[in-house]
Amino acid sequence: MFEIIAAGGWLMLPIILCSMAVLAISLERFWTLKPEKIAPKHLVGDVWGSLKNNQMDAKRIKEIKQGSALGQILAAGLSNSRQGRDVMKDSIEEAANQVIHNLERYITTLGTIAAIAPLLGLLGTVIGMIDVFTAIMMQGTGNAGALAGGISEALITTAAGLCVAIPAMMSHRFFQRRVDSLVVGMEQEAVKLVDALHGDRRVDMKAA
């Protein structure tokens, strides 16, 4: 394996670094973006129960805020619930923007790596072919070792770049889709709370 990496030339170093970044980000996002951690089930129902039992104080709101990303959004609304529906919705939207930003952390990096890894491989291909033609110009076609070295560098870096880019693109799409799903779910939960406090229609909080 080390011989293959060495044959790929110096461009294998940034490609390897990219692969390590993809693995680290994927593991971190997979752990962080667990649905049960971001938007616990029945959280809105628990919040509504606390409101009905007059147990919603500053301490309880702080606990909700620190419990999850959805709790952070709901806590922002609860803190401004007495200011009216519009103020409550605005505070929820502001908190949601911050939460979404945190959920999307590092995902753009995956997309960037997916884009540049093949270019690094292509650059290695170009450099390898330049070495091949330089060897031909200087030594002719009789030196098979010199030609093979340049061709190996060209092919190895191309393959390595693709091997990094494909998982990076898959991870980027997977986590972007997960974030979108989480955002839609949290939006629905927040709307339930707003409607329960200020809405004109009956909301079944038990289903939340």
C-alpha atoms as a PDB file:
ATOM      1  CA  MET A   1       0.000   0.000   0.000  1.00  0.00           C
ATOM      2  CA  PHE A   2       2.790   2.404   0.878  1.00  0.00           C
ATOM      3  CA  GLU A   3       4.466   1.655  -2.442  1.00  0.00           C
ATOM      4  CA  ILE A   4       1.274   2.572  -4.301  1.00  0.00           C
ATOM      5  CA  ILE A   5       0.937   5.820  -2.363  1.00  0.00           C
ATOM      6  CA  ALA A   6       4.572   6.677  -2.990  1.00  0.00           C
ATOM      7  CA  ALA A   7       4.162   5.925  -6.696  1.00  0.00           C
ATOM      8  CA  GLY A   8       1.328   8.465  -6.860  1.00  0.00           C
ATOM      9  CA  GLY A   9       3.674  11.331  -6.100  1.00  0.00           C
ATOM     10  CA  TRP A  10       3.327  14.300  -3.773  1.00  0.00           C
ATOM     11  CA  LEU A  11      -0.294  14.956  -4.751  1.00  0.00           C
ATOM     12  CA  MET A  12      -1.290  11.845  -2.845  1.00  0.00           C
ATOM     13  CA  LEU A  13      -0.720  13.790   0.390  1.00  0.00           C
ATOM     14  CA  PRO A  14      -3.586  16.289  -0.070  1.00  0.00           C
ATOM     15  CA  ILE A  15      -5.803  13.493  -1.381  1.00  0.00           C
ATOM     16  CA  ILE A  16      -5.108  11.434   1.740  1.00  0.00           C
ATOM     17  CA  LEU A  17      -5.803  14.469   3.924  1.00  0.00           C
ATOM     18  CA  CYS A  18      -9.109  14.927   2.122  1.00  0.00           C
ATOM     19  CA  SER A  19     -10.023  11.306   2.768  1.00  0.00           C
ATOM     20  CA  MET A  20      -9.270  11.705   6.462  1.00  0.00           C
ATOM     21  CA  ALA A  21     -11.422  14.845   6.597  1.00  0.00           C
ATOM     22  CA  VAL A  22     -14.325  13.031   4.907  1.00  0.00           C
ATOM     23  CA  LEU A  23     -14.141  10.182   7.404  1.00  0.00           C
ATOM     24  CA  ALA A  24     -13.915  12.493  10.423  1.00  0.00           C
ATOM     25  CA  ILE A  25     -16.753  14.756   9.293  1.00  0.00           C
ATOM     26  CA  SER A  26     -18.991  11.825   8.366  1.00  0.00           C
ATOM     27  CA  LEU A  27     -18.542  10.191  11.766  1.00  0.00           C
ATOM     28  CA  GLU A  28     -19.090  13.471  13.622  1.00  0.00           C
ATOM     29  CA  ARG A  29     -22.213  14.417  11.645  1.00  0.00           C
ATOM     30  CA  PHE A  30     -23.647  10.897  11.912  1.00  0.00           C
ATOM     31  CA  TRP A  31     -23.367  11.092  15.685  1.00  0.00           C
ATOM     32  CA  THR A  32     -24.547  14.699  15.934  1.00  0.00           C
ATOM     33  CA  LEU A  33     -27.498  14.486  13.543  1.00  0.00           C
ATOM     34  CA  LYS A  34     -29.310  11.621  15.221  1.00  0.00           C
ATOM     35  CA  PRO A  35     -33.033  12.459  15.009  1.00  0.00           C
ATOM     36  CA  GLU A  36     -33.663  11.462  18.625  1.00  0.00           C
ATOM     37  CA  LYS A  37     -30.994  13.938  19.758  1.00  0.00           C
ATOM     38  CA  ILE A  38     -32.080  16.805  17.523  1.00  0.00           C
ATOM     39  CA  ALA A  39     -35.866  16.524  17.860  1.00  0.00           C
ATOM     40  CA  PRO A  40     -36.908  14.191  20.698  1.00  0.00           C
ATOM     41  CA  LYS A  41     -40.330  12.655  20.313  1.00  0.00           C
ATOM     42  CA  HIS A  42     -43.123  13.987  22.504  1.00  0.00           C
ATOM     43  CA  LEU A  43     -41.079  17.072  23.481  1.00  0.00           C
ATOM     44  CA  VAL A  44     -43.882  19.401  22.416  1.00  0.00           C
ATOM     45  CA  GLY A  45     -46.355  17.270  24.348  1.00  0.00           C
ATOM     46  CA  ASP A  46     -44.176  17.503  27.458  1.00  0.00           C
ATOM     47  CA  VAL A  47     -43.888  21.265  27.024  1.00  0.00           C
ATOM     48  CA  TRP A  48     -47.640  21.572  26.667  1.00  0.00           C
ATOM     49  CA  GLY A  49     -48.127  19.486  29.797  1.00  0.00           C
ATOM     50  CA  SER A  50     -45.829  21.806  31.735  1.00  0.00           C
ATOM     51  CA  LEU A  51     -47.788  24.810  30.480  1.00  0.00           C
ATOM     52  CA  LYS A  52     -51.141  23.318  31.482  1.00  0.00           C
ATOM     53  CA  ASN A  53     -49.817  22.480  34.956  1.00  0.00           C
ATOM     54  CA  ASN A  54     -48.326  25.977  35.408  1.00  0.00           C
ATOM     55  CA  GLN A  55     -44.838  24.480  35.660  1.00  0.00           C
ATOM     56  CA  MET A  56     -43.293  26.562  32.914  1.00  0.00           C
ATOM     57  CA  ASP A  57     -40.842  28.893  34.599  1.00  0.00           C
ATOM     58  CA  ALA A  58     -37.417  30.245  33.658  1.00  0.00           C
ATOM     59  CA  LYS A  59     -35.665  27.147  34.975  1.00  0.00           C
ATOM     60  CA  ARG A  60     -37.883  24.822  32.959  1.00  0.00           C
ATOM     61  CA  ILE A  61     -37.375  26.909  29.804  1.00  0.00           C
ATOM     62  CA  LYS A  62     -33.605  26.738  30.313  1.00  0.00           C
ATOM     63  CA  GLU A  63     -33.793  22.944  30.641  1.00  0.00           C
ATOM     64  CA  ILE A  64     -35.791  22.727  27.418  1.00  0.00           C
ATOM     65  CA  LYS A  65     -33.327  24.978  25.604  1.00  0.00           C
ATOM     66  CA  GLN A  66     -30.297  22.944  26.649  1.00  0.00           C
ATOM     67  CA  GLY A  67     -31.925  19.590  25.948  1.00  0.00           C
ATOM     68  CA  SER A  68     -31.930  19.559  22.140  1.00  0.00           C
ATOM     69  CA  ALA A  69     -31.990  21.636  18.987  1.00  0.00           C
ATOM     70  CA  LEU A  70     -35.784  21.498  18.905  1.00  0.00           C
ATOM     71  CA  GLY A  71     -35.808  22.546  22.544  1.00  0.00           C
ATOM     72  CA  GLN A  72     -33.702  25.565  21.644  1.00  0.00           C
ATOM     73  CA  ILE A  73     -36.338  26.622  19.123  1.00  0.00           C
ATOM     74  CA  LEU A  74     -39.274  25.989  21.437  1.00  0.00           C
ATOM     75  CA  ALA A  75     -37.580  27.801  24.311  1.00  0.00           C
ATOM     76  CA  ALA A  76     -37.177  30.907  22.160  1.00  0.00           C
ATOM     77  CA  GLY A  77     -40.906  30.845  21.437  1.00  0.00           C
ATOM     78  CA  LEU A  78     -41.856  30.192  25.033  1.00  0.00           C
ATOM     79  CA  SER A  79     -39.737  33.101  26.239  1.00  0.00           C
ATOM     80  CA  ASN A  80     -41.780  35.430  24.022  1.00  0.00           C
ATOM     81  CA  SER A  81     -45.143  33.684  24.097  1.00  0.00           C
ATOM     82  CA  ARG A  82     -46.782  36.506  26.057  1.00  0.00           C
ATOM     83  CA  GLN A  83     -45.797  39.067  23.430  1.00  0.00           C
ATOM     84  CA  GLY A  84     -48.292  37.736  20.902  1.00  0.00           C
ATOM     85  CA  ARG A  85     -48.324  35.287  18.042  1.00  0.00           C
ATOM     86  CA  ASP A  86     -46.217  37.355  15.635  1.00  0.00           C
ATOM     87  CA  VAL A  87     -43.458  38.040  18.143  1.00  0.00           C
ATOM     88  CA  MET A  88     -43.426  34.387  19.151  1.00  0.00           C
ATOM     89  CA  LYS A  89     -43.122  33.264  15.530  1.00  0.00           C
ATOM     90  CA  ASP A  90     -40.339  35.761  14.840  1.00  0.00           C
ATOM     91  CA  SER A  91     -38.339  34.555  17.840  1.00  0.00           C
ATOM     92  CA  ILE A  92     -38.816  30.947  16.736  1.00  0.00           C
ATOM     93  CA  GLU A  93     -37.610  31.776  13.227  1.00  0.00           C
ATOM     94  CA  GLU A  94     -34.496  33.515  14.572  1.00  0.00           C
ATOM     95  CA  ALA A  95     -33.662  30.547  16.784  1.00  0.00           C
ATOM     96  CA  ALA A  96     -34.368  28.146  13.920  1.00  0.00           C
ATOM     97  CA  ASN A  97     -31.906  29.974  11.668  1.00  0.00           C
ATOM     98  CA  GLN A  98     -29.165  29.479  14.246  1.00  0.00           C
ATOM     99  CA  VAL A  99     -30.089  25.833  14.731  1.00  0.00           C
ATOM    100  CA  ILE A 100     -30.084  25.153  10.988  1.00  0.00           C
ATOM    101  CA  HIS A 101     -26.680  26.797  10.692  1.00  0.00           C
ATOM    102  CA  ASN A 102     -25.345  24.465  13.378  1.00  0.00           C
ATOM    103  CA  LEU A 103     -26.929  21.411  11.750  1.00  0.00           C
ATOM    104  CA  GLU A 104     -25.295  22.238   8.410  1.00  0.00           C
ATOM    105  CA  ARG A 105     -21.851  22.638   9.947  1.00  0.00           C
ATOM    106  CA  TYR A 106     -19.123  20.869   7.952  1.00  0.00           C
ATOM    107  CA  ILE A 107     -21.605  19.573   5.357  1.00  0.00           C
ATOM    108  CA  THR A 108     -20.450  22.202   2.868  1.00  0.00           C
ATOM    109  CA  THR A 109     -16.906  20.962   3.448  1.00  0.00           C
ATOM    110  CA  LEU A 110     -17.952  17.510   2.265  1.00  0.00           C
ATOM    111  CA  GLY A 111     -19.312  19.033  -0.935  1.00  0.00           C
ATOM    112  CA  THR A 112     -16.114  20.999  -1.428  1.00  0.00           C
ATOM    113  CA  ILE A 113     -13.958  17.898  -1.000  1.00  0.00           C
ATOM    114  CA  ALA A 114     -16.189  15.997  -3.416  1.00  0.00           C
ATOM    115  CA  ALA A 115     -15.511  18.722  -5.975  1.00  0.00           C
ATOM    116  CA  ILE A 116     -11.768  19.197  -5.510  1.00  0.00           C
ATOM    117  CA  ALA A 117     -10.650  15.582  -4.984  1.00  0.00           C
ATOM    118  CA  PRO A 118     -11.158  14.624  -8.671  1.00  0.00           C
ATOM    119  CA  LEU A 119      -9.369  17.840  -9.663  1.00  0.00           C
ATOM    120  CA  LEU A 120      -6.406  16.871  -7.517  1.00  0.00           C
ATOM    121  CA  GLY A 121      -6.432  13.474  -9.217  1.00  0.00           C
ATOM    122  CA  LEU A 122      -6.621  15.155 -12.607  1.00  0.00           C
ATOM    123  CA  LEU A 123      -3.728  17.406 -11.691  1.00  0.00           C
ATOM    124  CA  GLY A 124      -1.736  14.304 -10.783  1.00  0.00           C
ATOM    125  CA  THR A 125      -2.653  12.821 -14.148  1.00  0.00           C
ATOM    126  CA  VAL A 126      -1.414  15.911 -15.971  1.00  0.00           C
ATOM    127  CA  ILE A 127       1.830  15.996 -13.986  1.00  0.00           C
ATOM    128  CA  GLY A 128       2.376  12.275 -14.594  1.00  0.00           C
ATOM    129  CA  MET A 129       1.842  12.643 -18.335  1.00  0.00           C
ATOM    130  CA  ILE A 130       4.204  15.603 -18.410  1.00  0.00           C
ATOM    131  CA  ASP A 131       6.827  13.385 -16.799  1.00  0.00           C
ATOM    132  CA  VAL A 132       6.138  10.700 -19.409  1.00  0.00           C
ATOM    133  CA  PHE A 133       6.604  13.041 -22.342  1.00  0.00           C
ATOM    134  CA  THR A 134       9.647  14.628 -20.721  1.00  0.00           C
ATOM    135  CA  ALA A 135      11.195  11.166 -20.351  1.00  0.00           C
ATOM    136  CA  ILE A 136      10.392  10.388 -23.984  1.00  0.00           C
ATOM    137  CA  MET A 137      11.950  13.653 -25.112  1.00  0.00           C
ATOM    138  CA  MET A 138      15.097  13.181 -23.026  1.00  0.00           C
ATOM    139  CA  GLN A 139      15.610   9.402 -23.241  1.00  0.00           C
ATOM    140  CA  GLY A 140      13.412   8.194 -26.040  1.00  0.00           C
ATOM    141  CA  THR A 141      10.987   5.319 -25.702  1.00  0.00           C
ATOM    142  CA  GLY A 142      13.583   2.765 -24.708  1.00  0.00           C
ATOM    143  CA  ASN A 143      13.518   3.533 -20.970  1.00  0.00           C
ATOM    144  CA  ALA A 144      10.442   1.630 -19.895  1.00  0.00           C
ATOM    145  CA  GLY A 145      11.008   2.347 -16.185  1.00  0.00           C
ATOM    146  CA  ALA A 146      10.858   6.105 -16.627  1.00  0.00           C
ATOM    147  CA  LEU A 147       7.706   5.836 -18.725  1.00  0.00           C
ATOM    148  CA  ALA A 148       6.034   3.480 -16.270  1.00  0.00           C
ATOM    149  CA  GLY A 149       6.744   5.827 -13.370  1.00  0.00           C
ATOM    150  CA  GLY A 150       4.969   8.726 -15.010  1.00  0.00           C
ATOM    151  CA  ILE A 151       2.038   6.591 -16.117  1.00  0.00           C
ATOM    152  CA  SER A 152       1.681   5.102 -12.625  1.00  0.00           C
ATOM    153  CA  GLU A 153       1.611   8.559 -11.080  1.00  0.00           C
ATOM    154  CA  ALA A 154      -1.047   9.619 -13.536  1.00  0.00           C
ATOM    155  CA  LEU A 155      -3.327   6.621 -12.974  1.00  0.00           C
ATOM    156  CA  ILE A 156      -2.894   6.312  -9.206  1.00  0.00           C
ATOM    157  CA  THR A 157      -3.732   9.925  -8.423  1.00  0.00           C
ATOM    158  CA  THR A 158      -6.790   9.802 -10.681  1.00  0.00           C
ATOM    159  CA  ALA A 159      -8.071   6.663  -8.991  1.00  0.00           C
ATOM    160  CA  ALA A 160      -7.319   8.035  -5.520  1.00  0.00           C
ATOM    161  CA  GLY A 161      -9.126  11.293  -6.258  1.00  0.00           C
ATOM    162  CA  LEU A 162     -12.230   9.438  -7.400  1.00  0.00           C
ATOM    163  CA  CYS A 163     -12.102   7.083  -4.413  1.00  0.00           C
ATOM    164  CA  VAL A 164     -12.266  10.120  -2.137  1.00  0.00           C
ATOM    165  CA  ALA A 165     -14.772  12.131  -4.155  1.00  0.00           C
ATOM    166  CA  ILE A 166     -17.424   9.423  -4.467  1.00  0.00           C
ATOM    167  CA  PRO A 167     -17.858   8.767  -0.703  1.00  0.00           C
ATOM    168  CA  ALA A 168     -17.646  12.506  -0.042  1.00  0.00           C
ATOM    169  CA  MET A 169     -20.486  13.200  -2.465  1.00  0.00           C
ATOM    170  CA  MET A 170     -22.577  10.383  -1.018  1.00  0.00           C
ATOM    171  CA  SER A 171     -22.040  11.671   2.517  1.00  0.00           C
ATOM    172  CA  HIS A 172     -22.835  15.229   1.473  1.00  0.00           C
ATOM    173  CA  ARG A 173     -26.150  14.202  -0.097  1.00  0.00           C
ATOM    174  CA  PHE A 174     -27.041  11.927   2.808  1.00  0.00           C
ATOM    175  CA  PHE A 175     -26.467  14.508   5.529  1.00  0.00           C
ATOM    176  CA  GLN A 176     -28.037  17.323   3.536  1.00  0.00           C
ATOM    177  CA  ARG A 177     -31.158  15.231   3.149  1.00  0.00           C
ATOM    178  CA  ARG A 178     -31.148  14.388   6.857  1.00  0.00           C
ATOM    179  CA  VAL A 179     -30.865  18.068   7.787  1.00  0.00           C
ATOM    180  CA  ASP A 180     -33.765  18.940   5.465  1.00  0.00           C
ATOM    181  CA  SER A 181     -35.924  16.244   7.071  1.00  0.00           C
ATOM    182  CA  LEU A 182     -35.037  17.397  10.575  1.00  0.00           C
ATOM    183  CA  VAL A 183     -35.803  21.010   9.729  1.00  0.00           C
ATOM    184  CA  VAL A 184     -39.231  20.115   8.331  1.00  0.00           C
ATOM    185  CA  GLY A 185     -40.022  18.060  11.430  1.00  0.00           C
ATOM    186  CA  MET A 186     -38.946  20.809  13.823  1.00  0.00           C
ATOM    187  CA  GLU A 187     -40.941  23.378  11.888  1.00  0.00           C
ATOM    188  CA  GLN A 188     -44.060  21.255  12.253  1.00  0.00           C
ATOM    189  CA  GLU A 189     -43.493  20.831  15.983  1.00  0.00           C
ATOM    190  CA  ALA A 190     -42.960  24.563  16.487  1.00  0.00           C
ATOM    191  CA  VAL A 191     -46.148  25.351  14.569  1.00  0.00           C
ATOM    192  CA  LYS A 192     -48.069  22.995  16.856  1.00  0.00           C
ATOM    193  CA  LEU A 193     -46.886  24.907  19.902  1.00  0.00           C
ATOM    194  CA  VAL A 194     -47.700  28.295  18.380  1.00  0.00           C
ATOM    195  CA  ASP A 195     -51.183  27.130  17.359  1.00  0.00           C
ATOM    196  CA  ALA A 196     -51.775  25.645  20.785  1.00  0.00           C
ATOM    197  CA  LEU A 197     -50.964  28.944  22.490  1.00  0.00           C
ATOM    198  CA  HIS A 198     -52.259  31.482  19.987  1.00  0.00           C
ATOM    199  CA  GLY A 199     -54.060  29.561  17.265  1.00  0.00           C
ATOM    200  CA  ASP A 200     -57.735  29.544  16.412  1.00  0.00           C
ATOM    201  CA  ARG A 201     -57.879  25.797  15.847  1.00  0.00           C
ATOM    202  CA  ARG A 202     -57.679  22.878  18.221  1.00  0.00           C
ATOM    203  CA  VAL A 203     -54.339  21.079  18.314  1.00  0.00           C
ATOM    204  CA  ASP A 204     -53.910  17.493  19.440  1.00  0.00           C
ATOM    205  CA  MET A 205     -50.788  17.784  21.587  1.00  0.00           C
ATOM    206  CA  LYS A 206     -50.913  14.095  22.509  1.00  0.00           C
ATOM    207  CA  ALA A 207     -49.895  13.256  18.947  1.00  0.00           C
ATOM    208  CA  ALA A 208     -46.871  15.526  19.183  1.00  0.00           C
END
